[in-house]
Amino acid sequence: MKQTDTRADKSAERFFGALRDVFVGAPVEGQSGFINLMRIKSRYYEKGVFPRLKTDIEKALKPFPGFKQELFDKLYDFFHRYFSPSGLVYFHDSGREAACNHACTDGRPSPDSPCSKSEAASQVLCGLC
């Protein structure tokens, strides 16, 4: 059980790190209205949103302690896929590179790749062919 907790904790750290990267970002320095807004935003997420989110997740996981790692892995995957590094919400990482991992030559898929089955499949799966 101890190793599972360690993996679950690492998954939680990875998820909250991704959230921090998107919503807090790097520390800012200087004196301007924009810098003050960035500091206020950072404090809001660090002191308000993140602690509340952690508490709510812990409360929701009480009946399902074995689900912690899977939950944080899924949450991380969601935020990684749908949030750009700058915090924009859209389908950022489609994973299509993993779906179509083949060598293209001269802009054409190899004969054994899924993209070679049809032109429509090549556009959906790869986008590179």
Protein backbone atom coordinates (compact mmCIF):
# COMPACT_ATOMS: atom_id res chain seq x y z
CA MET A 1 0.00 0.00 0.00
CA LYS A 2 2.93 2.33 0.72
CA GLN A 3 4.26 2.19 -2.87
CA THR A 4 0.77 2.88 -4.25
CA ASP A 5 0.53 5.92 -1.98
CA THR A 6 3.91 7.13 -3.24
CA ARG A 7 2.84 6.78 -6.87
CA ALA A 8 -0.48 8.44 -6.11
CA ASP A 9 1.33 11.30 -4.37
CA LYS A 10 3.62 11.72 -7.39
CA SER A 11 0.58 11.76 -9.67
CA ALA A 12 -1.02 14.40 -7.45
CA GLU A 13 2.16 16.50 -7.48
CA ARG A 14 2.34 16.25 -11.26
CA PHE A 15 -1.31 17.33 -11.61
CA PHE A 16 -1.00 20.27 -9.22
CA GLY A 17 2.28 21.25 -10.89
CA ALA A 18 0.49 21.37 -14.25
CA LEU A 19 -2.30 23.46 -12.72
CA ARG A 20 0.25 25.80 -11.17
CA ASP A 21 2.03 26.17 -14.52
CA VAL A 22 -1.22 27.08 -16.29
CA PHE A 23 -2.93 29.28 -13.70
CA VAL A 24 -0.06 30.78 -11.68
CA GLY A 25 2.92 30.73 -14.03
CA ALA A 26 6.35 32.07 -13.26
CA PRO A 27 6.96 34.64 -10.52
CA VAL A 28 6.75 38.20 -11.77
CA GLU A 29 8.76 41.20 -10.70
CA GLY A 30 8.37 44.89 -11.26
CA GLN A 31 5.97 47.70 -10.51
CA SER A 32 2.91 48.15 -12.69
CA GLY A 33 -0.80 47.55 -12.66
CA PHE A 34 -0.38 44.40 -14.74
CA ILE A 35 2.27 43.00 -12.37
CA ASN A 36 -0.04 43.69 -9.41
CA LEU A 37 -2.86 41.81 -11.18
CA MET A 38 -0.54 38.86 -11.82
CA ARG A 39 0.45 38.78 -8.14
CA ILE A 40 -3.20 38.92 -7.06
CA LYS A 41 -4.02 36.09 -9.45
CA SER A 42 -1.12 33.98 -8.12
CA ARG A 43 -2.19 34.53 -4.51
CA TYR A 44 -5.81 33.73 -5.38
CA TYR A 45 -4.88 30.36 -6.83
CA GLU A 46 -2.13 29.49 -4.32
CA LYS A 47 -4.03 30.52 -1.18
CA GLY A 48 -7.64 29.94 -2.25
CA VAL A 49 -8.28 27.66 -5.19
CA PHE A 50 -5.56 25.01 -4.78
CA PRO A 51 -6.06 24.34 -1.05
CA ARG A 52 -9.84 24.16 -1.54
CA LEU A 53 -9.44 21.84 -4.52
CA LYS A 54 -7.08 19.55 -2.54
CA THR A 55 -9.55 19.41 0.36
CA ASP A 56 -12.48 18.65 -1.93
CA ILE A 57 -10.57 15.92 -3.76
CA GLU A 58 -9.42 14.32 -0.48
CA LYS A 59 -13.00 14.36 0.79
CA ALA A 60 -14.31 12.81 -2.43
CA LEU A 61 -11.61 10.10 -2.35
CA LYS A 62 -12.29 8.96 1.24
CA PRO A 63 -14.66 6.17 0.13
CA PHE A 64 -12.29 5.19 -2.73
CA PRO A 65 -8.68 5.33 -1.47
CA GLY A 66 -7.36 3.06 -4.23
CA PHE A 67 -8.61 5.44 -6.91
CA LYS A 68 -6.29 8.33 -6.01
CA GLN A 69 -3.50 7.60 -8.51
CA GLU A 70 -5.88 6.92 -11.39
CA LEU A 71 -7.85 10.10 -10.66
CA PHE A 72 -4.77 12.32 -10.65
CA ASP A 73 -3.40 10.62 -13.77
CA LYS A 74 -6.70 11.28 -15.57
CA LEU A 75 -6.84 14.88 -14.33
CA TYR A 76 -3.28 15.50 -15.47
CA ASP A 77 -3.99 13.99 -18.89
CA PHE A 78 -7.08 16.18 -19.24
CA PHE A 79 -5.27 19.40 -18.36
CA HIS A 80 -2.26 18.48 -20.47
CA ARG A 81 -4.48 17.73 -23.46
CA TYR A 82 -6.98 20.62 -23.25
CA PHE A 83 -4.92 23.52 -21.87
CA SER A 84 -2.10 25.15 -23.77
CA PRO A 85 1.03 26.20 -21.87
CA SER A 86 -0.31 29.76 -21.88
CA GLY A 87 -3.62 28.70 -20.30
CA LEU A 88 -5.83 28.76 -23.37
CA VAL A 89 -8.53 26.11 -23.38
CA TYR A 90 -8.64 24.04 -26.55
CA PHE A 91 -7.65 20.61 -27.84
CA HIS A 92 -3.95 21.26 -27.35
CA ASP A 93 -2.44 17.76 -27.54
CA SER A 94 -4.42 15.34 -29.66
CA GLY A 95 -1.99 12.48 -29.22
CA ARG A 96 -2.14 11.80 -32.94
CA GLU A 97 1.62 11.34 -33.05
CA ALA A 98 1.17 8.32 -30.81
CA ALA A 99 -1.75 7.01 -32.88
CA CYS A 100 0.29 7.13 -36.07
CA ASN A 101 3.88 6.34 -35.30
CA HIS A 102 5.42 5.52 -38.67
CA ALA A 103 8.06 6.78 -41.00
CA CYS A 104 6.86 8.89 -43.90
CA THR A 105 8.98 9.24 -47.00
CA ASP A 106 8.35 11.96 -49.52
CA GLY A 107 5.14 12.88 -47.73
CA ARG A 108 3.69 9.38 -48.17
CA PRO A 109 3.00 6.85 -45.40
CA SER A 110 4.77 3.53 -45.27
CA PRO A 111 2.68 0.63 -46.68
CA ASP A 112 2.15 -0.99 -43.27
CA SER A 113 0.96 2.18 -41.49
CA PRO A 114 -2.72 2.80 -40.68
CA CYS A 115 -2.51 5.96 -42.77
CA SER A 116 -1.88 3.98 -45.94
CA LYS A 117 -5.35 2.38 -45.76
CA SER A 118 -7.15 5.43 -47.09
CA GLU A 119 -6.56 9.10 -47.70
CA ALA A 120 -9.22 10.03 -45.14
CA ALA A 121 -7.51 7.90 -42.48
CA SER A 122 -4.22 9.52 -43.29
CA GLN A 123 -5.65 13.00 -42.64
CA VAL A 124 -7.39 11.98 -39.42
CA LEU A 125 -4.67 9.80 -37.93
CA CYS A 126 -1.52 11.52 -39.00
CA GLY A 127 -1.91 14.92 -40.55
CA LEU A 128 1.72 14.58 -41.62
CA CYS A 129 1.12 12.35 -44.65
